[in-house]
Amino acid sequence: MANLNHRYPGARENGELERGRECFRQRAWSDAYRSLTRADQAAPLAADDLQLLATSAYLIGHDDEYLKILERAHHTHLTAGNCPQAVRCAFWLGLQLIFRGEHGPGNGWLARAHRLLERDENDCVEWGYLLLPTVLQNLEAGDWDAAFAGATEAAELGERFTEAELIAAAQLLQGRARLHQGRVERGLALLDEAMVMVTAGELSPVVTGLIYCSVIDGCQQVYAVSRARDWTAKLAEWCKEQPDLVFTGRCLVHRAEIMQLNGAWPDAIEEARRASERLAHRADKQAAAAAFYQEAEVHRLRGEFAAAEDAYKMASQWGWEPQPGLALLRLAQGRPDAASAAMRRVLNGAGDRLQRARLLPVYVEIMLAAGDIEAARSAASELGMIAESFGSDVLEAIASHARGAVALAEGNAQAALGPLRRAFEAWQWAEAPYLAARVRVQIGLACRALGDDDGARLELDAARRVFEQLGAAPDLARLEARAAAVSAPNRPHGLTKRELQVLQLVAAGKTNKAIGTALFISEKTVDRHVGNIFNKLDVPSRAAATAYAYKHKLV
């Protein structure tokens, strides 16, 4: 064979080319990239083989190489007079550059693709692909009707030309538009339909990965937890078959989110770290930022506040809004004013209903902690209306939790129990142990307020066991503080002399600033005393503390 290769120099190059094509068919992306690169170095590849090389580069994380090779494929197709394929290369160049945040170059390539098609004057399926960036822009701008119309037109072109990838992408975008319109069942059905082609193996690996991630993201946005879990499992199987697939960084973020929900916090941290490590070396800044944010969330829940702070900062540096997680960190650190200010800012800037639905539950929690029951009540009411419009069981559970928390803060424990029970049952069904345990704490407090000490003890003990299993240190600390306050001998309320003075002035309607002036202490010290009072009395707000003070004749 050595002699044959010496006599016929093209034999070795042809062998590398065939090997690269075969590795590509076997989805051995790294091997395909190496063989096709060697073949290209020996003799420039034809346009179709350049596209195989570009795809292999993309799938193993060589983004810059991917763009350079795809540009070569574009020019090679043009030279050969193959305008439709040149347009398709220009489309992918433009789309990937926009995904990287390079909108100028990206839009330039899309404009070139339009010009080439207009000059070619042939009716072809590529017109359908060029509709997709406009659909994405409409989704980003919140013009759901225009997005759906554009996606429908693209789907029709896909059907006419029997182009599976265009049909699947268009159905995906139709589904995303329907979800935002509040037509959740129809939207999820369209996402499922797109996934039929994915799971049947009818699509290219790049399109398969993009659709997987977008479908899971859509499911999570409307709290279709069961669907998100199912598709994430399928995605994990697909990724496992291709171990050198660096594209899976986005997939790991989704897996980390599901693991956190299911209570597998160490695994969630590991997945988020793997995702951030992979994506930090790529140009996909948004996905890398999402990975850092997810890592921060689990650190916060475990009480690892310094690590959480660092991860939120990294998420912000990569362009991710670190709220509402950072606000919850500030609340856990005893800084309710900072938490309140942050949540007011982000909520005021959120117009989309699904975005507001993600922020409102945290807003309710923080406003109750800050003693602003009216703001919490208003937010809980809005959350309830959004949940009703989307018809999501999980979103309704979140709204029920908010309604119950507000009723408890208002001193109406009986009214709180029904919504809290519904929320607990929904989180149990969704296999979300931490969220279920948090609701059980409030059910226990409601039982205690109604004089049912046995019921309170059962609920709080059950919540404590879950927190211990998960390693939810902040929640455990709050439970222990409540238990100490209740059992304090000869001091049923558990308050120090200074805290009792502060409570009496709170009950008189004084602000923290006025209390500080009256007692000759700083406003910051008053903030700390008020937080201690809330913890010791098992109350979430100033109004509830006032009610407690009058009920127990402390004023």
Protein backbone atom coordinates (compact mmCIF):
# COMPACT_ATOMS: atom_id res chain seq x y z
CA MET A 1 0.00 0.00 0.00
CA ALA A 2 2.89 2.36 0.75
CA ASN A 3 4.25 1.86 -2.75
CA LEU A 4 0.80 2.39 -4.25
CA ASN A 5 0.40 5.68 -2.40
CA HIS A 6 3.84 6.74 -3.59
CA ARG A 7 2.96 5.98 -7.21
CA TYR A 8 -0.49 7.58 -6.96
CA PRO A 9 -0.33 10.65 -4.66
CA GLY A 10 -4.12 11.10 -4.72
CA ALA A 11 -4.77 7.70 -3.17
CA ARG A 12 -3.88 8.76 0.37
CA GLU A 13 -5.93 11.97 0.08
CA ASN A 14 -8.91 10.04 -1.27
CA GLY A 15 -8.59 7.64 1.63
CA GLU A 16 -8.71 10.50 4.14
CA LEU A 17 -11.73 11.98 2.36
CA GLU A 18 -13.65 8.71 2.39
CA ARG A 19 -12.67 8.12 6.00
CA GLY A 20 -13.90 11.62 6.92
CA ARG A 21 -17.22 11.05 5.14
CA GLU A 22 -17.69 7.72 6.88
CA CYS A 23 -16.85 9.17 10.30
CA PHE A 24 -19.39 11.91 9.64
CA ARG A 25 -22.05 9.29 8.83
CA GLN A 26 -21.13 7.51 12.09
CA ARG A 27 -21.41 10.82 14.02
CA ALA A 28 -17.78 10.57 15.13
CA TRP A 29 -17.34 14.31 14.82
CA SER A 30 -13.75 14.67 16.02
CA ASP A 31 -12.52 11.90 13.71
CA ALA A 32 -14.50 13.38 10.83
CA TYR A 33 -12.98 16.79 11.46
CA ARG A 34 -9.41 15.42 11.52
CA SER A 35 -9.75 13.31 8.39
CA LEU A 36 -11.56 15.96 6.37
CA THR A 37 -9.02 18.57 7.46
CA ARG A 38 -6.15 16.37 6.29
CA ALA A 39 -7.91 15.75 3.00
CA ASP A 40 -8.48 19.49 2.56
CA GLN A 41 -4.83 20.24 3.25
CA ALA A 42 -3.80 17.80 0.56
CA ALA A 43 -6.28 19.10 -2.02
CA PRO A 44 -9.06 21.71 -1.55
CA LEU A 45 -12.37 20.02 -0.80
CA ALA A 46 -15.45 20.36 -2.95
CA ALA A 47 -18.29 22.49 -1.61
CA ASP A 48 -20.38 19.58 -0.22
CA ASP A 49 -17.38 18.16 1.64
CA LEU A 50 -16.53 21.61 2.97
CA GLN A 51 -20.01 21.70 4.50
CA LEU A 52 -19.31 18.35 6.19
CA LEU A 53 -16.06 19.75 7.55
CA ALA A 54 -17.77 22.94 8.74
CA THR A 55 -20.49 20.97 10.53
CA SER A 56 -17.92 18.73 12.22
CA ALA A 57 -16.00 21.79 13.40
CA TYR A 58 -19.15 23.33 14.85
CA LEU A 59 -20.19 20.18 16.68
CA ILE A 60 -16.83 19.86 18.46
CA GLY A 61 -16.78 23.52 19.46
CA HIS A 62 -14.50 25.09 16.83
CA ASP A 63 -16.84 27.99 16.11
CA ASP A 64 -14.41 30.27 14.31
CA GLU A 65 -13.27 27.42 12.08
CA TYR A 66 -16.89 26.61 11.35
CA LEU A 67 -17.58 30.12 10.07
CA LYS A 68 -14.39 30.26 7.96
CA ILE A 69 -15.03 26.88 6.34
CA LEU A 70 -18.70 27.63 5.72
CA GLU A 71 -17.71 30.88 4.02
CA ARG A 72 -15.39 28.88 1.76
CA ALA A 73 -18.24 26.50 0.97
CA HIS A 74 -20.44 29.49 0.07
CA HIS A 75 -17.90 30.86 -2.40
CA THR A 76 -17.21 27.39 -3.86
CA HIS A 77 -20.94 26.88 -4.48
CA LEU A 78 -21.14 30.29 -6.16
CA THR A 79 -18.19 29.49 -8.41
CA ALA A 80 -19.89 26.24 -9.41
CA GLY A 81 -23.12 28.13 -10.18
CA ASN A 82 -25.07 26.45 -7.36
CA CYS A 83 -26.96 29.47 -6.08
CA PRO A 84 -29.44 27.69 -3.72
CA GLN A 85 -26.65 25.96 -1.79
CA ALA A 86 -24.62 29.18 -1.67
CA VAL A 87 -27.69 30.89 -0.22
CA ARG A 88 -28.10 28.14 2.37
CA CYS A 89 -24.49 28.61 3.50
CA ALA A 90 -25.05 32.38 3.72
CA PHE A 91 -28.20 31.75 5.79
CA TRP A 92 -26.32 29.65 8.36
CA LEU A 93 -23.46 32.12 8.49
CA GLY A 94 -25.87 34.96 9.18
CA LEU A 95 -27.87 33.03 11.76
CA GLN A 96 -24.84 31.82 13.72
CA LEU A 97 -23.25 35.28 13.74
CA ILE A 98 -26.49 36.74 15.13
CA PHE A 99 -26.58 33.99 17.78
CA ARG A 100 -23.04 35.09 18.73
CA GLY A 101 -24.24 38.68 19.11
CA GLU A 102 -22.49 39.88 15.92
CA HIS A 103 -25.61 41.41 14.39
CA GLY A 104 -23.91 43.59 11.77
CA PRO A 105 -21.98 40.80 10.01
CA GLY A 106 -24.89 38.42 10.53
CA ASN A 107 -27.42 40.72 8.90
CA GLY A 108 -24.92 41.34 6.11
CA TRP A 109 -24.81 37.65 5.22
CA LEU A 110 -28.61 37.40 5.34
CA ALA A 111 -28.86 40.42 3.03
CA ARG A 112 -26.45 38.74 0.62
CA ALA A 113 -28.58 35.60 0.67
CA HIS A 114 -31.70 37.66 -0.21
CA ARG A 115 -29.88 39.43 -3.05
CA LEU A 116 -28.64 36.16 -4.54
CA LEU A 117 -32.11 34.64 -4.52
CA GLU A 118 -33.66 37.74 -6.07
CA ARG A 119 -31.05 37.68 -8.81
CA ASP A 120 -31.50 33.95 -9.38
CA GLU A 121 -35.28 34.40 -9.80
CA ASN A 122 -35.98 30.72 -9.15
CA ASP A 123 -38.71 29.50 -6.81
CA CYS A 124 -36.85 27.45 -4.21
CA VAL A 125 -37.11 26.29 -0.61
CA GLU A 126 -34.34 28.66 0.51
CA TRP A 127 -36.91 31.46 0.54
CA GLY A 128 -38.49 29.65 3.46
CA TYR A 129 -35.25 29.56 5.42
CA LEU A 130 -34.78 33.30 4.93
CA LEU A 131 -38.14 33.90 6.61
CA LEU A 132 -36.89 32.40 9.88
CA PRO A 133 -34.60 35.26 11.05
CA THR A 134 -37.52 37.69 10.72
CA VAL A 135 -39.70 35.33 12.73
CA LEU A 136 -37.03 35.25 15.45
CA GLN A 137 -36.88 39.06 15.45
CA ASN A 138 -40.66 39.25 15.86
CA LEU A 139 -40.53 36.80 18.77
CA GLU A 140 -37.80 38.90 20.39
CA ALA A 141 -39.89 42.06 19.90
CA GLY A 142 -43.04 40.46 21.34
CA ASP A 143 -45.01 40.59 18.06
CA TRP A 144 -46.47 37.11 18.44
CA ASP A 145 -49.02 37.43 15.61
CA ALA A 146 -46.40 38.47 13.07
CA ALA A 147 -44.07 35.71 14.29
CA PHE A 148 -46.77 33.07 13.88
CA ALA A 149 -47.72 34.33 10.41
CA GLY A 150 -44.10 34.26 9.24
CA ALA A 151 -43.52 30.79 10.67
CA THR A 152 -46.70 29.54 8.99
CA GLU A 153 -45.50 30.84 5.63
CA ALA A 154 -42.16 29.10 6.13
CA ALA A 155 -43.91 25.84 7.09
CA GLU A 156 -46.00 26.00 3.91
CA LEU A 157 -42.86 26.39 1.81
CA GLY A 158 -41.32 23.46 3.64
CA GLU A 159 -44.37 21.31 2.89
CA ARG A 160 -44.37 22.33 -0.78
CA PHE A 161 -40.72 21.40 -1.24
CA THR A 162 -40.84 18.42 1.19
CA GLU A 163 -38.06 19.96 3.30
CA ALA A 164 -38.17 18.31 6.74
CA GLU A 165 -35.73 20.67 8.44
CA LEU A 166 -37.63 23.78 7.39
CA ILE A 167 -40.95 22.22 8.44
CA ALA A 168 -39.57 21.30 11.87
CA ALA A 169 -37.97 24.71 12.45
CA ALA A 170 -41.15 26.51 11.36
CA GLN A 171 -43.36 24.35 13.60
CA LEU A 172 -41.03 25.06 16.50
CA LEU A 173 -41.38 28.82 15.97
CA GLN A 174 -45.14 28.53 15.48
CA GLY A 175 -45.28 26.74 18.81
CA ARG A 176 -43.18 29.36 20.58
CA ALA A 177 -45.47 32.10 19.26
CA ARG A 178 -48.58 30.24 20.44
CA LEU A 179 -47.09 29.77 23.91
CA HIS A 180 -46.56 33.50 24.27
CA GLN A 181 -50.11 34.16 23.04
CA GLY A 182 -51.40 32.05 25.93
CA ARG A 183 -52.54 29.21 23.67
CA VAL A 184 -50.45 26.78 25.63
CA GLU A 185 -51.95 23.46 24.59
CA ARG A 186 -51.74 24.33 20.90
CA GLY A 187 -48.22 25.66 21.34
CA LEU A 188 -47.02 22.52 23.12
CA ALA A 189 -48.66 20.36 20.45
CA LEU A 190 -46.66 22.18 17.76
CA LEU A 191 -43.45 21.69 19.75
CA ASP A 192 -44.23 17.98 20.09
CA GLU A 193 -44.88 17.75 16.36
CA ALA A 194 -41.49 19.27 15.60
CA MET A 195 -39.92 16.77 17.97
CA VAL A 196 -41.43 13.84 16.05
CA MET A 197 -38.98 14.54 13.21
CA VAL A 198 -36.15 15.02 15.70
CA THR A 199 -36.65 11.70 17.47
CA ALA A 200 -37.13 9.92 14.12
CA GLY A 201 -33.63 11.01 13.11
CA GLU A 202 -34.87 12.93 10.06
CA LEU A 203 -32.86 16.10 10.75
CA SER A 204 -29.21 17.12 10.64
CA PRO A 205 -27.30 17.17 13.97
CA VAL A 206 -27.10 20.96 14.09
CA VAL A 207 -30.85 21.43 13.56
CA THR A 208 -31.60 18.53 15.93
CA GLY A 209 -29.64 20.16 18.75
CA LEU A 210 -31.15 23.60 18.18
CA ILE A 211 -34.70 22.21 18.21
CA TYR A 212 -34.09 20.10 21.32
CA CYS A 213 -32.85 23.11 23.27
CA SER A 214 -35.56 25.47 22.07
CA VAL A 215 -38.37 22.99 22.77
CA ILE A 216 -37.12 22.35 26.32
CA ASP A 217 -36.74 26.09 26.90
CA GLY A 218 -40.30 26.66 25.67
CA CYS A 219 -41.66 23.96 27.96
CA GLN A 220 -39.88 25.47 30.94
CA GLN A 221 -41.16 28.96 30.13
CA VAL A 222 -44.78 27.81 30.46
CA TYR A 223 -43.96 25.49 33.39
CA ALA A 224 -44.71 22.30 31.42
CA VAL A 225 -42.42 20.52 33.87
CA SER A 226 -43.25 16.95 32.89
CA ARG A 227 -42.68 17.62 29.18
CA ALA A 228 -39.42 19.45 29.88
CA ARG A 229 -38.22 16.50 31.95
CA ASP A 230 -39.16 13.97 29.24
CA TRP A 231 -37.48 15.88 26.41
CA THR A 232 -34.39 16.53 28.55
CA ALA A 233 -34.06 12.78 29.11
CA LYS A 234 -34.31 12.20 25.35
CA LEU A 235 -31.74 14.91 24.75
CA ALA A 236 -29.36 13.29 27.23
CA GLU A 237 -29.65 9.98 25.34
CA TRP A 238 -28.91 11.72 22.04
CA CYS A 239 -25.88 13.51 23.50
CA LYS A 240 -24.57 10.31 25.12
CA GLU A 241 -24.33 8.70 21.69
CA GLN A 242 -21.91 11.47 20.65
CA PRO A 243 -19.44 11.98 23.51
CA ASP A 244 -17.30 14.53 21.66
CA LEU A 245 -20.30 16.76 20.95
CA VAL A 246 -19.30 20.10 22.52
CA PHE A 247 -22.62 21.50 21.35
CA THR A 248 -24.08 19.85 24.45
CA GLY A 249 -23.19 22.81 26.69
CA ARG A 250 -26.71 24.20 26.26
CA CYS A 251 -28.08 20.75 26.96
CA LEU A 252 -26.23 20.61 30.26
CA VAL A 253 -27.86 23.85 31.40
CA HIS A 254 -31.29 22.35 30.83
CA ARG A 255 -30.28 19.17 32.64
CA ALA A 256 -28.99 21.23 35.59
CA GLU A 257 -32.33 23.04 35.85
CA ILE A 258 -34.26 19.77 35.93
CA MET A 259 -31.84 18.27 38.48
CA GLN A 260 -32.28 21.29 40.75
CA LEU A 261 -36.06 20.98 40.55
CA ASN A 262 -35.88 17.27 41.38
CA GLY A 263 -33.61 17.87 44.38
CA ALA A 264 -30.37 16.44 42.93
CA TRP A 265 -28.41 19.55 43.88
CA PRO A 266 -24.82 18.16 43.77
CA ASP A 267 -25.50 16.79 40.28
CA ALA A 268 -27.07 20.11 39.25
CA ILE A 269 -23.95 22.01 40.36
CA GLU A 270 -21.73 19.61 38.43
CA GLU A 271 -23.81 19.89 35.25
CA ALA A 272 -23.86 23.69 35.46
CA ARG A 273 -20.08 23.79 35.92
CA ARG A 274 -19.54 21.48 32.97
CA ALA A 275 -21.79 23.68 30.87
CA SER A 276 -20.02 26.91 31.86
CA GLU A 277 -16.59 25.35 31.18
CA ARG A 278 -17.65 24.17 27.73
CA LEU A 279 -19.52 27.29 26.74
CA ALA A 280 -16.95 29.75 28.11
CA HIS A 281 -14.65 28.63 25.30
CA ARG A 282 -17.32 29.22 22.68
CA ALA A 283 -18.96 32.37 21.40
CA ASP A 284 -22.38 31.45 22.82
CA LYS A 285 -22.30 34.00 25.61
CA GLN A 286 -25.98 33.73 26.49
CA ALA A 287 -25.78 29.99 27.13
CA ALA A 288 -22.57 30.40 29.16
CA ALA A 289 -24.24 33.11 31.24
CA ALA A 290 -27.26 30.84 31.84
CA ALA A 291 -24.89 28.13 33.10
CA PHE A 292 -23.25 30.51 35.59
CA TYR A 293 -26.68 31.69 36.78
CA GLN A 294 -27.82 28.11 37.31
CA GLU A 295 -24.71 27.34 39.31
CA ALA A 296 -25.34 30.43 41.46
CA GLU A 297 -28.90 29.33 42.19
CA VAL A 298 -27.88 26.02 43.71
CA HIS A 299 -25.08 27.64 45.74
CA ARG A 300 -27.64 30.10 47.13
CA LEU A 301 -30.06 27.35 48.11
CA ARG A 302 -27.28 25.51 49.93
CA GLY A 303 -26.21 28.62 51.82
CA GLU A 304 -22.89 28.92 49.98
CA PHE A 305 -23.34 32.66 49.64
CA ALA A 306 -19.80 33.62 48.59
CA ALA A 307 -19.81 31.04 45.77
CA ALA A 308 -23.28 32.18 44.75
CA GLU A 309 -22.14 35.81 44.67
CA ASP A 310 -19.22 34.92 42.39
CA ALA A 311 -21.40 32.91 40.02
CA TYR A 312 -24.05 35.66 39.78
CA LYS A 313 -21.25 38.11 38.93
CA MET A 314 -19.99 35.81 36.18
CA ALA A 315 -23.51 35.48 34.78
CA SER A 316 -23.81 39.27 34.74
CA GLN A 317 -20.41 39.69 33.06
CA TRP A 318 -21.55 37.34 30.31
CA GLY A 319 -24.70 39.39 29.75
CA TRP A 320 -27.32 37.64 31.92
CA GLU A 321 -29.68 39.55 34.22
CA PRO A 322 -28.81 37.99 37.62
CA GLN A 323 -32.31 38.56 38.97
CA PRO A 324 -34.36 37.31 40.66
CA GLY A 325 -31.71 35.02 42.14
CA LEU A 326 -29.44 37.82 43.33
CA ALA A 327 -32.36 39.54 45.08
CA LEU A 328 -33.12 36.30 46.94
CA LEU A 329 -29.46 36.11 47.94
CA ARG A 330 -29.67 39.64 49.36
CA LEU A 331 -32.80 38.65 51.28
CA ALA A 332 -31.06 35.59 52.71
CA GLN A 333 -28.16 37.85 53.73
CA GLY A 334 -30.56 40.02 55.74
CA ARG A 335 -30.69 42.88 53.22
CA PRO A 336 -34.41 43.20 52.40
CA ASP A 337 -34.08 46.81 51.20
CA ALA A 338 -31.53 45.86 48.54
CA ALA A 339 -33.68 42.90 47.52
CA SER A 340 -36.80 45.09 47.27
CA ALA A 341 -35.09 47.74 45.17
CA ALA A 342 -33.72 45.16 42.73
CA MET A 343 -37.06 43.41 42.29
CA ARG A 344 -38.96 46.65 41.75
CA ARG A 345 -36.48 47.58 39.03
CA VAL A 346 -36.64 44.32 37.10
CA LEU A 347 -40.40 43.94 37.44
CA ASN A 348 -41.02 47.47 36.19
CA GLY A 349 -38.95 46.65 33.11
CA ALA A 350 -40.70 43.34 32.35
CA GLY A 351 -43.57 43.58 29.86
CA ASP A 352 -43.96 40.01 28.63
CA ARG A 353 -46.39 37.95 30.71
CA LEU A 354 -44.15 34.89 30.90
CA GLN A 355 -41.22 37.03 31.99
CA ARG A 356 -43.39 38.64 34.68
CA ALA A 357 -44.62 35.21 35.79
CA ARG A 358 -41.00 34.25 36.50
CA LEU A 359 -40.41 37.39 38.58
CA LEU A 360 -43.71 37.83 40.43
CA PRO A 361 -43.37 34.90 42.91
CA VAL A 362 -40.01 36.25 44.11
CA TYR A 363 -41.44 39.78 44.22
CA VAL A 364 -44.26 38.55 46.49
CA GLU A 365 -41.79 36.83 48.82
CA ILE A 366 -39.53 39.85 49.07
CA MET A 367 -42.33 42.37 49.50
CA LEU A 368 -43.77 40.29 52.35
CA ALA A 369 -40.36 40.15 54.00
CA ALA A 370 -40.11 43.93 53.65
CA GLY A 371 -43.54 44.41 55.19
CA ASP A 372 -45.24 45.74 52.05
CA ILE A 373 -48.34 43.54 52.08
CA GLU A 374 -50.24 45.73 49.63
CA ALA A 375 -47.54 45.35 46.96
CA ALA A 376 -47.38 41.60 47.61
CA ARG A 377 -51.16 41.28 47.34
CA SER A 378 -51.22 43.13 44.03
CA ALA A 379 -48.42 40.98 42.62
CA ALA A 380 -50.12 37.77 43.76
CA SER A 381 -53.33 38.89 42.04
CA GLU A 382 -51.49 39.57 38.77
CA LEU A 383 -49.73 36.21 39.01
CA GLY A 384 -53.10 34.50 39.44
CA MET A 385 -54.48 36.17 36.31
CA ILE A 386 -51.43 35.15 34.27
CA ALA A 387 -51.72 31.55 35.52
CA GLU A 388 -55.39 31.45 34.57
CA SER A 389 -54.70 32.81 31.07
CA PHE A 390 -52.03 30.17 30.38
CA GLY A 391 -53.88 27.23 31.91
CA SER A 392 -50.71 25.77 33.44
CA ASP A 393 -51.13 23.56 36.52
CA VAL A 394 -47.63 24.35 37.76
CA LEU A 395 -48.06 28.09 37.22
CA GLU A 396 -51.38 27.87 39.08
CA ALA A 397 -49.53 26.15 41.95
CA ILE A 398 -47.05 29.04 42.07
CA ALA A 399 -49.94 31.52 42.11
CA SER A 400 -51.68 29.54 44.86
CA HIS A 401 -48.52 29.63 46.96
CA ALA A 402 -48.36 33.40 46.55
CA ARG A 403 -52.04 33.82 47.52
CA GLY A 404 -51.57 31.63 50.57
CA ALA A 405 -48.44 33.49 51.68
CA VAL A 406 -50.23 36.83 51.43
CA ALA A 407 -53.26 35.55 53.38
CA LEU A 408 -50.93 34.22 56.10
CA ALA A 409 -49.14 37.56 56.31
CA GLU A 410 -52.48 39.30 56.70
CA GLY A 411 -53.22 37.09 59.70
CA ASN A 412 -55.89 35.02 57.90
CA ALA A 413 -54.46 31.54 58.45
CA GLN A 414 -57.70 29.80 57.59
CA ALA A 415 -57.86 31.45 54.16
CA ALA A 416 -54.19 30.61 53.58
CA LEU A 417 -54.55 26.86 54.07
CA GLY A 418 -56.54 26.04 50.90
CA PRO A 419 -54.18 27.70 48.40
CA LEU A 420 -51.12 26.39 50.24
CA ARG A 421 -52.45 22.82 50.17
CA ARG A 422 -53.08 23.06 46.42
CA ALA A 423 -49.56 24.37 45.85
CA PHE A 424 -48.06 21.56 47.95
CA GLU A 425 -49.95 18.86 46.02
CA ALA A 426 -48.82 20.31 42.68
CA TRP A 427 -45.15 20.39 43.72
CA GLN A 428 -45.39 16.84 45.01
CA TRP A 429 -46.80 15.71 41.67
CA ALA A 430 -44.04 17.61 39.85
CA GLU A 431 -41.42 15.81 42.00
CA ALA A 432 -40.03 19.10 43.29
CA PRO A 433 -39.12 18.32 46.94
CA TYR A 434 -37.59 21.66 47.90
CA LEU A 435 -40.52 23.73 46.65
CA ALA A 436 -42.97 21.33 48.31
CA ALA A 437 -41.06 21.61 51.61
CA ARG A 438 -41.13 25.41 51.51
CA VAL A 439 -44.90 25.32 51.14
CA ARG A 440 -45.13 22.85 54.04
CA VAL A 441 -43.38 25.37 56.28
CA GLN A 442 -46.11 27.90 55.62
CA ILE A 443 -48.81 25.26 56.07
CA GLY A 444 -47.25 24.50 59.44
CA LEU A 445 -47.27 28.17 60.42
CA ALA A 446 -50.93 28.42 59.43
CA CYS A 447 -51.75 25.35 61.54
CA ARG A 448 -49.93 26.87 64.51
CA ALA A 449 -51.82 30.15 64.12
CA LEU A 450 -55.08 28.17 64.20
CA GLY A 451 -54.07 26.38 67.42
CA ASP A 452 -53.36 23.03 65.73
CA ASP A 453 -49.97 22.35 67.31
CA ASP A 454 -49.88 18.69 66.23
CA GLY A 455 -50.53 19.63 62.62
CA ALA A 456 -47.91 22.35 62.77
CA ARG A 457 -45.30 19.98 64.21
CA LEU A 458 -45.97 17.33 61.53
CA GLU A 459 -45.67 19.81 58.68
CA LEU A 460 -42.55 21.51 60.01
CA ASP A 461 -40.83 18.21 60.82
CA ALA A 462 -41.53 16.94 57.30
CA ALA A 463 -40.10 20.13 55.82
CA ARG A 464 -37.05 19.90 58.08
CA ARG A 465 -36.27 16.36 56.87
CA VAL A 466 -36.33 17.50 53.24
CA PHE A 467 -34.12 20.51 53.97
CA GLU A 468 -31.63 18.26 55.77
CA GLN A 469 -31.55 15.78 52.87
CA LEU A 470 -31.02 18.54 50.32
CA GLY A 471 -28.52 20.53 52.36
CA ALA A 472 -30.74 23.63 52.34
CA ALA A 473 -28.82 25.36 55.13
CA PRO A 474 -30.63 28.75 55.06
CA ASP A 475 -34.06 27.13 55.31
CA LEU A 476 -32.90 24.90 58.14
CA ALA A 477 -31.55 27.93 60.02
CA ARG A 478 -34.88 29.73 59.68
CA LEU A 479 -36.74 26.68 60.98
CA GLU A 480 -34.41 26.39 63.96
CA ALA A 481 -34.84 30.06 64.77
CA ARG A 482 -38.61 29.64 64.75
CA ALA A 483 -38.40 26.57 66.99
CA ALA A 484 -36.15 28.39 69.47
CA ALA A 485 -38.55 31.32 69.62
CA VAL A 486 -41.53 29.10 70.32
CA SER A 487 -39.81 27.06 73.05
CA ALA A 488 -38.02 29.91 74.85
CA PRO A 489 -38.79 29.48 78.62
CA ASN A 490 -40.37 32.36 80.55
CA ARG A 491 -40.26 34.39 77.37
CA PRO A 492 -42.93 32.99 75.05
CA HIS A 493 -42.27 35.59 72.37
CA GLY A 494 -38.49 35.04 72.49
CA LEU A 495 -37.74 38.75 72.09
CA THR A 496 -34.97 40.64 73.78
CA LYS A 497 -35.81 43.84 75.66
CA ARG A 498 -34.63 45.99 72.74
CA GLU A 499 -36.53 43.89 70.22
CA LEU A 500 -39.69 44.28 72.29
CA GLN A 501 -39.20 48.07 72.26
CA VAL A 502 -38.80 47.99 68.47
CA LEU A 503 -41.93 45.82 68.10
CA GLN A 504 -43.97 48.27 70.17
CA LEU A 505 -42.90 51.15 67.89
CA VAL A 506 -43.58 49.05 64.76
CA ALA A 507 -47.08 48.40 66.13
CA ALA A 508 -47.47 52.15 66.60
CA GLY A 509 -46.91 52.58 62.85
CA LYS A 510 -43.41 54.06 63.07
CA THR A 511 -40.94 53.72 60.21
CA ASN A 512 -37.50 52.23 60.82
CA LYS A 513 -35.98 55.68 60.54
CA ALA A 514 -38.38 57.06 63.16
CA ILE A 515 -37.72 54.08 65.44
CA GLY A 516 -33.98 54.65 65.19
CA THR A 517 -34.43 58.31 66.15
CA ALA A 518 -36.64 57.39 69.12
CA LEU A 519 -34.25 54.76 70.47
CA PHE A 520 -30.99 56.57 69.50
CA ILE A 521 -29.82 53.69 67.27
CA SER A 522 -29.01 53.52 63.56
CA GLU A 523 -31.61 52.65 60.95
CA LYS A 524 -29.46 49.67 59.95
CA THR A 525 -29.63 48.35 63.52
CA VAL A 526 -33.39 48.77 63.46
CA ASP A 527 -33.50 46.75 60.22
CA ARG A 528 -31.65 43.94 61.95
CA HIS A 529 -33.96 44.02 64.98
CA VAL A 530 -37.05 43.92 62.73
CA GLY A 531 -35.65 40.91 60.87
CA ASN A 532 -35.01 39.13 64.19
CA ILE A 533 -38.55 39.93 65.32
CA PHE A 534 -40.02 38.42 62.16
CA ASN A 535 -37.98 35.24 62.63
CA LYS A 536 -38.74 34.82 66.31
CA LEU A 537 -42.46 35.47 66.00
CA ASP A 538 -42.83 33.40 62.81
CA VAL A 539 -44.35 36.36 60.98
CA PRO A 540 -43.51 37.61 57.46
CA SER A 541 -44.42 41.29 57.72
CA ARG A 542 -44.86 44.39 59.88
CA ALA A 543 -48.63 44.01 59.73
CA ALA A 544 -48.45 40.44 61.00
CA ALA A 545 -45.99 41.46 63.74
CA THR A 546 -48.38 44.22 64.80
CA ALA A 547 -51.26 41.74 64.92
CA TYR A 548 -49.13 39.38 67.04
CA ALA A 549 -48.21 42.19 69.43
CA TYR A 550 -51.84 43.13 70.05
CA LYS A 551 -53.03 39.52 70.30
CA HIS A 552 -50.39 38.69 72.94
CA LYS A 553 -50.78 42.00 74.78
CA LEU A 554 -47.21 43.13 74.10
CA VAL A 555 -48.38 46.72 73.51
